[in-house]
Amino acid sequence: MINDEFLVKIETIIKYLEKNGGYNYKLYNHTCPDFNNEPDSNIVKYAKDIRDYWKTLKYNDNLETYIIMEICKIIMDNLNLFALNDSKLIHMKEYCKSKTEEPISPTPNEILMKFVYEALLDLFSVNLLYDFRSIE
């Protein structure tokens, strides 16, 4: 993964700078340089700041994506259970029964939005959403 490759490279740069005088290479704050004052950092600190910033971006993005996938998995599992329940997803089931002789094709957006609304209402109406992730 390119994110991991970047982190390996930045770690290599940090180790090199630490061993080869990077702490002695002083830097001024680039946002408001004041050359009358002492440098506020060094190149090693800058490299570590970049690494930490990248890790934060990578972790948050991947964690958010992972959690979204978990949420989708729980919703999918419960909607599949609803397929076995005659009192859930009623309009969707009626629609599907009326289309048994037709080839499967994309559902028109207006109809699909009604099914999404129905599915969300059914999901909200239950006291417990089953979580089968640990079973896998």
N, C-alpha and C. Protein backbone atom coordinates (compact mmCIF):
# COMPACT_ATOMS: atom_id res chain seq x y z
N MET A 1 0.85 -1.17 0.00
CA MET A 1 0.00 0.00 0.00
C MET A 1 0.89 1.24 0.00
N ILE A 2 0.52 2.24 -0.78
CA ILE A 2 1.36 3.42 -0.93
C ILE A 2 1.53 4.17 0.39
N ASN A 3 0.51 4.19 1.24
CA ASN A 3 0.64 4.87 2.54
C ASN A 3 1.72 4.22 3.38
N ASP A 4 1.78 2.90 3.39
CA ASP A 4 2.80 2.19 4.15
C ASP A 4 4.19 2.46 3.58
N GLU A 5 4.29 2.54 2.26
CA GLU A 5 5.57 2.82 1.61
C GLU A 5 6.06 4.22 2.01
N PHE A 6 5.15 5.18 2.05
CA PHE A 6 5.51 6.53 2.47
C PHE A 6 6.05 6.53 3.89
N LEU A 7 5.38 5.82 4.79
CA LEU A 7 5.82 5.79 6.18
C LEU A 7 7.18 5.12 6.32
N VAL A 8 7.44 4.07 5.56
CA VAL A 8 8.75 3.42 5.59
C VAL A 8 9.82 4.41 5.13
N LYS A 9 9.54 5.14 4.07
CA LYS A 9 10.51 6.10 3.55
C LYS A 9 10.76 7.22 4.54
N ILE A 10 9.73 7.78 5.13
CA ILE A 10 9.92 8.88 6.08
C ILE A 10 10.67 8.40 7.33
N GLU A 11 10.40 7.17 7.77
CA GLU A 11 11.14 6.61 8.92
C GLU A 11 12.63 6.47 8.57
N THR A 12 12.93 6.06 7.34
CA THR A 12 14.32 5.92 6.89
C THR A 12 15.00 7.29 6.89
N ILE A 13 14.28 8.31 6.41
CA ILE A 13 14.82 9.67 6.41
C ILE A 13 15.08 10.14 7.83
N ILE A 14 14.14 9.91 8.74
CA ILE A 14 14.30 10.33 10.14
C ILE A 14 15.52 9.67 10.76
N LYS A 15 15.67 8.36 10.56
CA LYS A 15 16.84 7.65 11.13
C LYS A 15 18.14 8.21 10.57
N TYR A 16 18.16 8.49 9.27
CA TYR A 16 19.35 9.06 8.66
C TYR A 16 19.66 10.43 9.27
N LEU A 17 18.65 11.29 9.38
CA LEU A 17 18.85 12.63 9.93
C LEU A 17 19.31 12.57 11.38
N GLU A 18 18.74 11.65 12.16
CA GLU A 18 19.14 11.52 13.57
C GLU A 18 20.61 11.14 13.70
N LYS A 19 21.08 10.28 12.81
CA LYS A 19 22.47 9.79 12.87
C LYS A 19 23.46 10.75 12.23
N ASN A 20 22.98 11.69 11.41
CA ASN A 20 23.88 12.52 10.62
C ASN A 20 23.67 14.02 10.82
N GLY A 21 23.49 14.43 12.06
CA GLY A 21 23.46 15.85 12.38
C GLY A 21 22.16 16.57 12.11
N GLY A 22 21.08 15.86 11.96
CA GLY A 22 19.79 16.51 11.69
C GLY A 22 19.33 17.41 12.82
N TYR A 23 19.73 17.09 14.04
CA TYR A 23 19.34 17.93 15.18
C TYR A 23 20.08 19.27 15.13
N ASN A 24 21.22 19.31 14.45
CA ASN A 24 22.01 20.54 14.35
C ASN A 24 21.53 21.45 13.22
N TYR A 25 20.74 20.92 12.32
CA TYR A 25 20.25 21.70 11.20
C TYR A 25 18.98 22.40 11.65
N LYS A 26 19.14 23.66 12.06
CA LYS A 26 18.03 24.41 12.66
C LYS A 26 17.17 25.07 11.61
N LEU A 27 15.88 25.14 11.91
CA LEU A 27 14.91 25.73 10.99
C LEU A 27 14.11 26.81 11.70
N TYR A 28 13.73 27.82 10.96
CA TYR A 28 12.84 28.85 11.46
C TYR A 28 11.41 28.47 11.13
N ASN A 29 10.50 29.00 11.89
CA ASN A 29 9.09 28.76 11.62
C ASN A 29 8.76 29.36 10.26
N HIS A 30 8.37 28.53 9.33
CA HIS A 30 8.14 28.99 7.95
C HIS A 30 6.90 29.88 7.81
N THR A 31 5.99 29.85 8.80
CA THR A 31 4.77 30.64 8.67
C THR A 31 5.00 32.09 9.05
N CYS A 32 5.94 32.34 9.92
CA CYS A 32 6.23 33.73 10.28
C CYS A 32 7.73 33.84 10.61
N PRO A 33 8.58 33.84 9.60
CA PRO A 33 10.02 33.89 9.86
C PRO A 33 10.43 35.21 10.51
N ASP A 34 11.15 35.07 11.57
CA ASP A 34 11.68 36.23 12.27
C ASP A 34 13.17 35.95 12.46
N PHE A 35 13.97 36.48 11.59
CA PHE A 35 15.38 36.13 11.59
C PHE A 35 16.16 36.81 12.71
N ASN A 36 15.48 37.58 13.55
CA ASN A 36 16.14 38.17 14.72
C ASN A 36 16.11 37.21 15.90
N ASN A 37 15.26 36.20 15.82
CA ASN A 37 15.13 35.23 16.90
C ASN A 37 15.89 33.95 16.56
N GLU A 38 15.98 33.09 17.53
CA GLU A 38 16.63 31.79 17.34
C GLU A 38 15.71 30.87 16.54
N PRO A 39 16.28 29.87 15.86
CA PRO A 39 15.44 28.89 15.17
C PRO A 39 14.51 28.19 16.16
N ASP A 40 13.33 27.83 15.70
CA ASP A 40 12.35 27.20 16.61
C ASP A 40 12.29 25.70 16.47
N SER A 41 13.07 25.12 15.57
CA SER A 41 13.00 23.68 15.37
C SER A 41 14.25 23.19 14.66
N ASN A 42 14.22 21.88 14.34
CA ASN A 42 15.31 21.30 13.55
C ASN A 42 14.70 20.36 12.52
N ILE A 43 15.50 19.92 11.60
CA ILE A 43 15.00 19.12 10.48
C ILE A 43 14.44 17.77 10.94
N VAL A 44 14.97 17.21 12.01
CA VAL A 44 14.45 15.94 12.54
C VAL A 44 13.03 16.15 13.05
N LYS A 45 12.82 17.22 13.79
CA LYS A 45 11.47 17.50 14.31
C LYS A 45 10.49 17.71 13.16
N TYR A 46 10.90 18.43 12.12
CA TYR A 46 10.03 18.64 10.97
C TYR A 46 9.66 17.30 10.32
N ALA A 47 10.64 16.44 10.14
CA ALA A 47 10.38 15.13 9.52
C ALA A 47 9.42 14.31 10.39
N LYS A 48 9.61 14.36 11.71
CA LYS A 48 8.72 13.63 12.61
C LYS A 48 7.31 14.21 12.59
N ASP A 49 7.21 15.53 12.49
CA ASP A 49 5.89 16.17 12.39
C ASP A 49 5.15 15.70 11.13
N ILE A 50 5.88 15.61 10.01
CA ILE A 50 5.28 15.14 8.77
C ILE A 50 4.83 13.69 8.93
N ARG A 51 5.68 12.85 9.53
CA ARG A 51 5.32 11.44 9.75
C ARG A 51 4.07 11.33 10.62
N ASP A 52 4.05 12.08 11.72
CA ASP A 52 2.90 12.00 12.64
C ASP A 52 1.63 12.51 11.99
N TYR A 53 1.75 13.57 11.21
CA TYR A 53 0.58 14.10 10.50
C TYR A 53 0.05 13.06 9.51
N TRP A 54 0.94 12.42 8.78
CA TRP A 54 0.54 11.39 7.81
C TRP A 54 -0.10 10.20 8.52
N LYS A 55 0.48 9.78 9.65
CA LYS A 55 -0.10 8.66 10.39
C LYS A 55 -1.51 8.99 10.85
N THR A 56 -1.71 10.22 11.31
CA THR A 56 -3.03 10.64 11.77
C THR A 56 -4.02 10.61 10.61
N LEU A 57 -3.62 11.15 9.47
CA LEU A 57 -4.51 11.12 8.30
C LEU A 57 -4.83 9.69 7.89
N LYS A 58 -3.80 8.86 7.81
CA LYS A 58 -3.97 7.48 7.38
C LYS A 58 -4.85 6.71 8.36
N TYR A 59 -4.58 6.84 9.65
CA TYR A 59 -5.32 6.11 10.67
C TYR A 59 -6.78 6.52 10.66
N ASN A 60 -7.02 7.84 10.65
CA ASN A 60 -8.41 8.31 10.70
C ASN A 60 -9.17 7.89 9.46
N ASP A 61 -8.56 8.02 8.29
CA ASP A 61 -9.24 7.64 7.06
C ASP A 61 -9.55 6.14 7.05
N ASN A 62 -8.57 5.34 7.40
CA ASN A 62 -8.78 3.89 7.39
C ASN A 62 -9.76 3.47 8.48
N LEU A 63 -9.69 4.08 9.65
CA LEU A 63 -10.61 3.73 10.72
C LEU A 63 -12.04 4.10 10.35
N GLU A 64 -12.23 5.29 9.78
CA GLU A 64 -13.57 5.70 9.37
C GLU A 64 -14.12 4.74 8.31
N THR A 65 -13.30 4.40 7.35
CA THR A 65 -13.72 3.47 6.31
C THR A 65 -14.07 2.12 6.91
N TYR A 66 -13.23 1.65 7.84
CA TYR A 66 -13.47 0.35 8.49
C TYR A 66 -14.79 0.37 9.26
N ILE A 67 -15.04 1.43 10.01
CA ILE A 67 -16.28 1.52 10.79
C ILE A 67 -17.49 1.59 9.86
N ILE A 68 -17.38 2.35 8.77
CA ILE A 68 -18.48 2.42 7.81
C ILE A 68 -18.78 1.03 7.25
N MET A 69 -17.73 0.27 6.95
CA MET A 69 -17.93 -1.09 6.45
C MET A 69 -18.60 -1.97 7.50
N GLU A 70 -18.22 -1.81 8.77
CA GLU A 70 -18.87 -2.57 9.84
C GLU A 70 -20.34 -2.21 9.96
N ILE A 71 -20.64 -0.92 9.87
CA ILE A 71 -22.04 -0.48 9.93
C ILE A 71 -22.83 -1.10 8.77
N CYS A 72 -22.25 -1.04 7.58
CA CYS A 72 -22.93 -1.62 6.40
C CYS A 72 -23.16 -3.11 6.58
N LYS A 73 -22.19 -3.80 7.16
CA LYS A 73 -22.31 -5.25 7.37
C LYS A 73 -23.47 -5.55 8.33
N ILE A 74 -23.57 -4.80 9.41
CA ILE A 74 -24.66 -5.01 10.37
C ILE A 74 -26.01 -4.71 9.71
N ILE A 75 -26.08 -3.63 8.94
CA ILE A 75 -27.33 -3.30 8.26
C ILE A 75 -27.70 -4.40 7.26
N MET A 76 -26.72 -4.84 6.47
CA MET A 76 -26.99 -5.91 5.49
C MET A 76 -27.48 -7.19 6.17
N ASP A 77 -26.81 -7.58 7.24
CA ASP A 77 -27.21 -8.80 7.95
C ASP A 77 -28.65 -8.69 8.45
N ASN A 78 -28.99 -7.54 9.01
CA ASN A 78 -30.34 -7.38 9.54
C ASN A 78 -31.38 -7.28 8.43
N LEU A 79 -31.04 -6.65 7.32
CA LEU A 79 -31.98 -6.62 6.19
C LEU A 79 -32.19 -8.02 5.63
N ASN A 80 -31.16 -8.83 5.62
CA ASN A 80 -31.32 -10.23 5.19
C ASN A 80 -32.23 -10.98 6.14
N LEU A 81 -32.14 -10.71 7.44
CA LEU A 81 -33.07 -11.31 8.39
C LEU A 81 -34.49 -10.82 8.15
N PHE A 82 -34.63 -9.55 7.80
CA PHE A 82 -35.96 -8.99 7.51
C PHE A 82 -36.60 -9.71 6.33
N ALA A 83 -35.79 -10.22 5.42
CA ALA A 83 -36.34 -10.94 4.26
C ALA A 83 -37.14 -12.16 4.71
N LEU A 84 -36.83 -12.67 5.89
CA LEU A 84 -37.53 -13.84 6.44
C LEU A 84 -38.75 -13.45 7.27
N ASN A 85 -38.96 -12.16 7.45
CA ASN A 85 -40.03 -11.66 8.30
C ASN A 85 -41.10 -11.01 7.42
N ASP A 86 -42.32 -11.52 7.50
CA ASP A 86 -43.41 -11.01 6.65
C ASP A 86 -43.84 -9.59 7.00
N SER A 87 -43.44 -9.10 8.16
CA SER A 87 -43.87 -7.75 8.56
C SER A 87 -42.79 -6.69 8.29
N LYS A 88 -41.71 -7.05 7.64
CA LYS A 88 -40.62 -6.11 7.33
C LYS A 88 -40.43 -6.04 5.82
N LEU A 89 -40.03 -4.87 5.34
CA LEU A 89 -39.75 -4.63 3.92
C LEU A 89 -40.92 -5.03 3.02
N ILE A 90 -42.10 -4.73 3.47
CA ILE A 90 -43.33 -5.17 2.79
C ILE A 90 -43.40 -4.65 1.35
N HIS A 91 -43.18 -3.36 1.15
CA HIS A 91 -43.31 -2.78 -0.19
C HIS A 91 -42.24 -3.32 -1.14
N MET A 92 -41.06 -3.51 -0.64
CA MET A 92 -39.99 -4.06 -1.47
C MET A 92 -40.32 -5.49 -1.90
N LYS A 93 -40.84 -6.27 -0.97
CA LYS A 93 -41.19 -7.66 -1.29
C LYS A 93 -42.32 -7.71 -2.32
N GLU A 94 -43.31 -6.84 -2.17
CA GLU A 94 -44.41 -6.78 -3.14
C GLU A 94 -43.89 -6.39 -4.52
N TYR A 95 -43.02 -5.43 -4.55
CA TYR A 95 -42.43 -4.99 -5.82
C TYR A 95 -41.67 -6.14 -6.49
N CYS A 96 -40.87 -6.84 -5.70
CA CYS A 96 -40.09 -7.97 -6.24
C CYS A 96 -41.00 -9.07 -6.78
N LYS A 97 -42.08 -9.36 -6.05
CA LYS A 97 -43.02 -10.39 -6.51
C LYS A 97 -43.66 -9.99 -7.84
N SER A 98 -43.91 -8.70 -8.01
CA SER A 98 -44.55 -8.24 -9.25
C SER A 98 -43.58 -8.24 -10.43
N LYS A 99 -42.30 -8.39 -10.18
CA LYS A 99 -41.30 -8.33 -11.25
C LYS A 99 -40.62 -9.68 -11.51
N THR A 100 -41.21 -10.76 -11.05
CA THR A 100 -40.55 -12.07 -11.18
C THR A 100 -40.36 -12.51 -12.63
N GLU A 101 -41.19 -12.05 -13.53
CA GLU A 101 -41.09 -12.45 -14.94
C GLU A 101 -40.13 -11.56 -15.73
N GLU A 102 -39.66 -10.48 -15.13
CA GLU A 102 -38.80 -9.53 -15.83
C GLU A 102 -37.33 -9.79 -15.48
N PRO A 103 -36.42 -9.46 -16.39
CA PRO A 103 -35.00 -9.59 -16.05
C PRO A 103 -34.62 -8.57 -14.98
N ILE A 104 -33.65 -8.93 -14.18
CA ILE A 104 -33.19 -8.02 -13.14
C ILE A 104 -32.48 -6.84 -13.79
N SER A 105 -32.89 -5.65 -13.39
CA SER A 105 -32.29 -4.43 -13.91
C SER A 105 -32.25 -3.39 -12.79
N PRO A 106 -31.48 -2.33 -12.98
CA PRO A 106 -31.42 -1.31 -11.92
C PRO A 106 -32.80 -0.78 -11.56
N THR A 107 -33.03 -0.64 -10.28
CA THR A 107 -34.30 -0.12 -9.79
C THR A 107 -34.35 1.38 -10.03
N PRO A 108 -35.47 1.89 -10.54
CA PRO A 108 -35.57 3.35 -10.72
C PRO A 108 -35.32 4.07 -9.39
N ASN A 109 -34.64 5.20 -9.48
CA ASN A 109 -34.22 5.93 -8.29
C ASN A 109 -35.38 6.27 -7.35
N GLU A 110 -36.48 6.73 -7.89
CA GLU A 110 -37.62 7.11 -7.05
C GLU A 110 -38.13 5.92 -6.23
N ILE A 111 -38.21 4.77 -6.86
CA ILE A 111 -38.69 3.56 -6.17
C ILE A 111 -37.64 3.11 -5.16
N LEU A 112 -36.39 3.14 -5.55
CA LEU A 112 -35.31 2.72 -4.64
C LEU A 112 -35.28 3.58 -3.39
N MET A 113 -35.48 4.89 -3.54
CA MET A 113 -35.48 5.78 -2.38
C MET A 113 -36.62 5.43 -1.42
N LYS A 114 -37.75 5.00 -1.96
CA LYS A 114 -38.86 4.56 -1.11
C LYS A 114 -38.47 3.30 -0.34
N PHE A 115 -37.75 2.40 -1.00
CA PHE A 115 -37.30 1.18 -0.33
C PHE A 115 -36.26 1.49 0.74
N VAL A 116 -35.39 2.44 0.46
CA VAL A 116 -34.39 2.86 1.46
C VAL A 116 -35.10 3.40 2.68
N TYR A 117 -36.08 4.25 2.44
CA TYR A 117 -36.86 4.82 3.55
C TYR A 117 -37.56 3.72 4.35
N GLU A 118 -38.17 2.77 3.64
CA GLU A 118 -38.84 1.66 4.31
C GLU A 118 -37.85 0.83 5.12
N ALA A 119 -36.68 0.55 4.54
CA ALA A 119 -35.67 -0.24 5.24
C ALA A 119 -35.18 0.47 6.50
N LEU A 120 -34.96 1.78 6.38
CA LEU A 120 -34.51 2.54 7.56
C LEU A 120 -35.56 2.55 8.66
N LEU A 121 -36.82 2.72 8.27
CA LEU A 121 -37.89 2.68 9.27
C LEU A 121 -37.95 1.31 9.94
N ASP A 122 -37.82 0.26 9.15
CA ASP A 122 -37.83 -1.09 9.73
C ASP A 122 -36.62 -1.30 10.66
N LEU A 123 -35.48 -0.80 10.26
CA LEU A 123 -34.29 -0.92 11.12
C LEU A 123 -34.48 -0.17 12.43
N PHE A 124 -35.07 1.01 12.35
CA PHE A 124 -35.32 1.79 13.56
C PHE A 124 -36.39 1.18 14.45
N SER A 125 -37.28 0.41 13.86
CA SER A 125 -38.40 -0.11 14.64
C SER A 125 -38.05 -1.32 15.50
N VAL A 126 -36.91 -1.94 15.26
CA VAL A 126 -36.56 -3.12 16.05
C VAL A 126 -35.81 -2.70 17.32
N ASN A 127 -35.96 -3.51 18.35
CA ASN A 127 -35.28 -3.22 19.63
C ASN A 127 -33.81 -3.59 19.61
N LEU A 128 -33.46 -4.51 18.72
CA LEU A 128 -32.10 -5.03 18.70
C LEU A 128 -31.67 -5.31 17.27
N LEU A 129 -30.51 -4.79 16.89
CA LEU A 129 -29.91 -5.15 15.60
C LEU A 129 -28.89 -6.24 15.88
N TYR A 130 -28.99 -7.31 15.15
CA TYR A 130 -28.07 -8.43 15.34
C TYR A 130 -26.71 -8.10 14.73
N ASP A 131 -25.68 -8.55 15.42
CA ASP A 131 -24.30 -8.32 14.98
C ASP A 131 -23.64 -9.68 14.80
N PHE A 132 -23.50 -10.11 13.56
CA PHE A 132 -22.93 -11.42 13.27
C PHE A 132 -21.44 -11.37 12.91
N ARG A 133 -20.79 -10.20 13.07
CA ARG A 133 -19.39 -10.08 12.67
C ARG A 133 -18.49 -11.07 13.39
N SER A 134 -18.71 -11.32 14.66
CA SER A 134 -17.83 -12.22 15.41
C SER A 134 -18.00 -13.68 15.00
N ILE A 135 -19.10 -14.00 14.37
CA ILE A 135 -19.36 -15.38 13.94
C ILE A 135 -18.44 -15.75 12.77
N GLU A 136 -18.17 -14.76 11.92
CA GLU A 136 -17.32 -15.02 10.76
C GLU A 136 -15.92 -15.25 11.24
